[in-house]
Amino acid sequence: MSNDWMFLYDDTKETRTRFVSFMGETSRFDLAITMTDRFYGKLLVLNLLSNRFAIIGQDDLDEPGYLEHAYQLSEEEANELRQFLATMI
């Protein structure tokens, strides 16, 4: 087997990660939120309970249905997450 990898990129970046768990009105969220300059000011948000993640900025929070689709959430659950993430962006 050959180790002739064709890398598209191979970067090392300094990051800051915040781990936060909170209960909304409809569900619990356990998140790992990574901040880096890699995503042009957007956050890498991992939902540790569902093993889903997305790169999120203000434009994504404003996009109807984005959080619902990315995290497979109901509209109510997505609104709770949206309200929380809006405080970070």
N, C-alpha and C. Protein backbone atom coordinates (compact mmCIF):
# COMPACT_ATOMS: atom_id res chain seq x y z
N MET A 1 0.85 -1.18 0.00
CA MET A 1 0.00 0.00 0.00
C MET A 1 0.89 1.24 0.00
N SER A 2 0.58 2.17 -0.83
CA SER A 2 1.37 3.39 -0.97
C SER A 2 0.89 4.47 -0.02
N ASN A 3 1.80 5.29 0.48
CA ASN A 3 1.46 6.42 1.33
C ASN A 3 1.57 7.73 0.56
N ASP A 4 1.22 7.71 -0.68
CA ASP A 4 1.26 8.92 -1.52
C ASP A 4 -0.05 9.67 -1.37
N TRP A 5 -0.22 10.35 -0.23
CA TRP A 5 -1.44 11.09 0.06
C TRP A 5 -1.45 12.39 -0.72
N MET A 6 -2.59 12.75 -1.23
CA MET A 6 -2.73 14.04 -1.90
C MET A 6 -3.51 14.95 -0.95
N PHE A 7 -2.78 15.74 -0.15
CA PHE A 7 -3.40 16.63 0.81
C PHE A 7 -3.96 17.86 0.12
N LEU A 8 -5.18 18.22 0.45
CA LEU A 8 -5.74 19.48 -0.01
C LEU A 8 -5.32 20.61 0.91
N TYR A 9 -5.16 20.29 2.19
CA TYR A 9 -4.55 21.18 3.16
C TYR A 9 -4.17 20.37 4.39
N ASP A 10 -3.24 20.89 5.15
CA ASP A 10 -2.79 20.24 6.38
C ASP A 10 -2.30 21.36 7.29
N ASP A 11 -3.24 21.99 8.01
CA ASP A 11 -2.95 23.15 8.84
C ASP A 11 -3.08 22.81 10.31
N THR A 12 -2.35 23.53 11.13
CA THR A 12 -2.52 23.48 12.57
C THR A 12 -2.90 24.88 13.02
N LYS A 13 -4.02 25.01 13.73
CA LYS A 13 -4.53 26.31 14.16
C LYS A 13 -4.69 26.33 15.66
N GLU A 14 -4.48 27.50 16.25
CA GLU A 14 -4.80 27.71 17.65
C GLU A 14 -6.32 27.87 17.76
N THR A 15 -6.92 27.19 18.71
CA THR A 15 -8.36 27.28 18.90
C THR A 15 -8.68 27.48 20.37
N ARG A 16 -9.90 27.92 20.60
CA ARG A 16 -10.46 28.01 21.95
C ARG A 16 -11.79 27.27 21.90
N THR A 17 -11.99 26.36 22.83
CA THR A 17 -13.22 25.59 22.84
C THR A 17 -13.94 25.80 24.17
N ARG A 18 -15.23 26.10 24.06
CA ARG A 18 -16.08 26.26 25.23
C ARG A 18 -17.03 25.06 25.28
N PHE A 19 -17.07 24.39 26.41
CA PHE A 19 -18.01 23.29 26.61
C PHE A 19 -19.13 23.83 27.48
N VAL A 20 -20.35 23.69 26.99
CA VAL A 20 -21.49 24.24 27.72
C VAL A 20 -22.66 23.26 27.64
N SER A 21 -23.35 23.13 28.77
CA SER A 21 -24.54 22.29 28.83
C SER A 21 -25.65 23.15 29.42
N PHE A 22 -26.81 23.14 28.78
CA PHE A 22 -27.94 23.90 29.31
C PHE A 22 -29.25 23.23 28.96
N MET A 23 -30.25 23.51 29.78
CA MET A 23 -31.60 23.01 29.54
C MET A 23 -32.44 24.15 29.01
N GLY A 24 -33.07 23.92 27.89
CA GLY A 24 -34.03 24.88 27.38
C GLY A 24 -35.42 24.48 27.86
N GLU A 25 -36.42 25.10 27.29
CA GLU A 25 -37.80 24.75 27.64
C GLU A 25 -38.17 23.36 27.13
N THR A 26 -37.57 22.95 25.99
CA THR A 26 -37.97 21.69 25.37
C THR A 26 -36.91 20.62 25.39
N SER A 27 -35.63 20.97 25.53
CA SER A 27 -34.60 19.93 25.49
C SER A 27 -33.30 20.40 26.12
N ARG A 28 -32.39 19.46 26.26
CA ARG A 28 -31.06 19.71 26.82
C ARG A 28 -30.06 19.81 25.67
N PHE A 29 -29.08 20.67 25.83
CA PHE A 29 -28.02 20.83 24.85
C PHE A 29 -26.68 20.67 25.55
N ASP A 30 -25.83 19.81 25.02
CA ASP A 30 -24.45 19.66 25.45
C ASP A 30 -23.59 19.99 24.24
N LEU A 31 -22.93 21.13 24.29
CA LEU A 31 -22.23 21.66 23.12
C LEU A 31 -20.74 21.82 23.37
N ALA A 32 -19.97 21.65 22.33
CA ALA A 32 -18.57 22.03 22.29
C ALA A 32 -18.49 23.09 21.19
N ILE A 33 -18.13 24.30 21.56
CA ILE A 33 -18.12 25.43 20.63
C ILE A 33 -16.67 25.85 20.42
N THR A 34 -16.17 25.64 19.22
CA THR A 34 -14.77 25.93 18.92
C THR A 34 -14.66 27.23 18.13
N MET A 35 -13.80 28.11 18.65
CA MET A 35 -13.55 29.39 18.00
C MET A 35 -12.15 29.37 17.39
N THR A 36 -12.06 29.74 16.13
CA THR A 36 -10.80 29.76 15.41
C THR A 36 -10.93 30.74 14.25
N ASP A 37 -9.81 31.15 13.69
CA ASP A 37 -9.88 32.01 12.51
C ASP A 37 -10.02 31.19 11.22
N ARG A 38 -10.07 29.90 11.36
CA ARG A 38 -10.16 28.99 10.21
C ARG A 38 -11.47 29.18 9.41
N PHE A 39 -12.55 29.50 10.07
CA PHE A 39 -13.86 29.55 9.42
C PHE A 39 -14.38 30.97 9.25
N TYR A 40 -13.47 31.92 9.06
CA TYR A 40 -13.83 33.31 8.76
C TYR A 40 -14.78 33.92 9.79
N GLY A 41 -14.49 33.68 11.06
CA GLY A 41 -15.30 34.26 12.12
C GLY A 41 -16.49 33.43 12.55
N LYS A 42 -16.74 32.33 11.88
CA LYS A 42 -17.84 31.46 12.27
C LYS A 42 -17.37 30.48 13.35
N LEU A 43 -18.32 29.90 14.05
CA LEU A 43 -18.04 28.95 15.12
C LEU A 43 -18.28 27.52 14.63
N LEU A 44 -17.47 26.60 15.11
CA LEU A 44 -17.70 25.18 14.89
C LEU A 44 -18.46 24.68 16.10
N VAL A 45 -19.73 24.32 15.92
CA VAL A 45 -20.60 23.96 17.05
C VAL A 45 -20.95 22.48 16.95
N LEU A 46 -20.47 21.73 17.94
CA LEU A 46 -20.73 20.29 18.00
C LEU A 46 -21.77 20.01 19.07
N ASN A 47 -22.83 19.31 18.69
CA ASN A 47 -23.83 18.86 19.66
C ASN A 47 -23.37 17.47 20.11
N LEU A 48 -22.87 17.39 21.34
CA LEU A 48 -22.30 16.15 21.84
C LEU A 48 -23.34 15.06 22.07
N LEU A 49 -24.61 15.43 22.23
CA LEU A 49 -25.66 14.43 22.44
C LEU A 49 -26.08 13.75 21.14
N SER A 50 -26.06 14.48 20.04
CA SER A 50 -26.51 13.90 18.78
C SER A 50 -25.38 13.60 17.81
N ASN A 51 -24.14 13.96 18.19
CA ASN A 51 -22.98 13.77 17.31
C ASN A 51 -23.14 14.50 15.98
N ARG A 52 -23.77 15.66 16.00
CA ARG A 52 -23.93 16.49 14.81
C ARG A 52 -23.18 17.79 15.03
N PHE A 53 -22.70 18.36 13.93
CA PHE A 53 -21.98 19.62 14.04
C PHE A 53 -22.25 20.48 12.82
N ALA A 54 -21.98 21.77 12.98
CA ALA A 54 -22.12 22.71 11.86
C ALA A 54 -21.19 23.88 12.12
N ILE A 55 -20.81 24.55 11.05
CA ILE A 55 -20.07 25.80 11.12
C ILE A 55 -21.10 26.90 11.04
N ILE A 56 -21.16 27.73 12.10
CA ILE A 56 -22.29 28.66 12.24
C ILE A 56 -21.82 30.09 12.44
N GLY A 57 -22.41 30.98 11.65
CA GLY A 57 -22.24 32.42 11.80
C GLY A 57 -23.61 33.06 11.86
N GLN A 58 -23.62 34.37 11.96
CA GLN A 58 -24.90 35.08 12.05
C GLN A 58 -25.79 34.80 10.84
N ASP A 59 -25.19 34.72 9.65
CA ASP A 59 -25.98 34.44 8.46
C ASP A 59 -26.68 33.08 8.54
N ASP A 60 -26.04 32.12 9.18
CA ASP A 60 -26.65 30.79 9.34
C ASP A 60 -27.78 30.82 10.35
N LEU A 61 -27.61 31.61 11.41
CA LEU A 61 -28.69 31.74 12.40
C LEU A 61 -29.92 32.40 11.79
N ASP A 62 -29.69 33.28 10.84
CA ASP A 62 -30.80 33.99 10.17
C ASP A 62 -31.46 33.16 9.07
N GLU A 63 -30.83 32.09 8.66
CA GLU A 63 -31.34 31.25 7.56
C GLU A 63 -32.45 30.34 8.09
N PRO A 64 -33.67 30.50 7.59
CA PRO A 64 -34.78 29.65 8.06
C PRO A 64 -34.49 28.17 7.82
N GLY A 65 -34.67 27.37 8.86
CA GLY A 65 -34.52 25.92 8.74
C GLY A 65 -33.09 25.41 8.83
N TYR A 66 -32.11 26.30 8.94
CA TYR A 66 -30.71 25.84 8.93
C TYR A 66 -30.38 24.97 10.15
N LEU A 67 -30.68 25.46 11.34
CA LEU A 67 -30.38 24.69 12.55
C LEU A 67 -31.24 23.43 12.63
N GLU A 68 -32.48 23.54 12.21
CA GLU A 68 -33.37 22.37 12.21
C GLU A 68 -32.75 21.24 11.37
N HIS A 69 -32.26 21.60 10.20
CA HIS A 69 -31.67 20.61 9.30
C HIS A 69 -30.32 20.11 9.81
N ALA A 70 -29.43 21.02 10.20
CA ALA A 70 -28.07 20.65 10.60
C ALA A 70 -28.06 19.75 11.83
N TYR A 71 -28.95 20.01 12.77
CA TYR A 71 -28.95 19.26 14.02
C TYR A 71 -30.16 18.34 14.19
N GLN A 72 -31.00 18.26 13.14
CA GLN A 72 -32.20 17.43 13.20
C GLN A 72 -33.05 17.78 14.42
N LEU A 73 -33.39 19.08 14.55
CA LEU A 73 -34.16 19.59 15.68
C LEU A 73 -35.55 20.00 15.25
N SER A 74 -36.44 20.03 16.20
CA SER A 74 -37.76 20.61 15.95
C SER A 74 -37.59 22.12 15.88
N GLU A 75 -38.61 22.81 15.42
CA GLU A 75 -38.56 24.27 15.34
C GLU A 75 -38.35 24.89 16.72
N GLU A 76 -39.02 24.35 17.74
CA GLU A 76 -38.89 24.87 19.10
C GLU A 76 -37.47 24.67 19.64
N GLU A 77 -36.92 23.47 19.43
CA GLU A 77 -35.57 23.19 19.88
C GLU A 77 -34.56 24.08 19.17
N ALA A 78 -34.74 24.24 17.87
CA ALA A 78 -33.83 25.08 17.08
C ALA A 78 -33.89 26.54 17.55
N ASN A 79 -35.07 27.02 17.90
CA ASN A 79 -35.19 28.39 18.40
C ASN A 79 -34.43 28.58 19.70
N GLU A 80 -34.46 27.59 20.58
CA GLU A 80 -33.70 27.67 21.83
C GLU A 80 -32.20 27.72 21.54
N LEU A 81 -31.75 26.85 20.65
CA LEU A 81 -30.33 26.84 20.30
C LEU A 81 -29.95 28.15 19.62
N ARG A 82 -30.80 28.63 18.74
CA ARG A 82 -30.55 29.89 18.02
C ARG A 82 -30.40 31.06 19.01
N GLN A 83 -31.28 31.12 19.99
CA GLN A 83 -31.20 32.20 20.99
C GLN A 83 -29.90 32.13 21.77
N PHE A 84 -29.46 30.93 22.13
CA PHE A 84 -28.21 30.79 22.86
C PHE A 84 -27.03 31.20 21.98
N LEU A 85 -26.97 30.66 20.76
CA LEU A 85 -25.82 30.94 19.89
C LEU A 85 -25.75 32.42 19.50
N ALA A 86 -26.89 33.08 19.43
CA ALA A 86 -26.90 34.51 19.10
C ALA A 86 -26.12 35.32 20.13
N THR A 87 -26.04 34.84 21.35
CA THR A 87 -25.29 35.55 22.39
C THR A 87 -23.78 35.39 22.20
N MET A 88 -23.35 34.44 21.38
CA MET A 88 -21.94 34.16 21.19
C MET A 88 -21.38 34.75 19.91
N ILE A 89 -22.27 35.06 18.97
CA ILE A 89 -21.80 35.53 17.65
C ILE A 89 -21.83 37.03 17.59
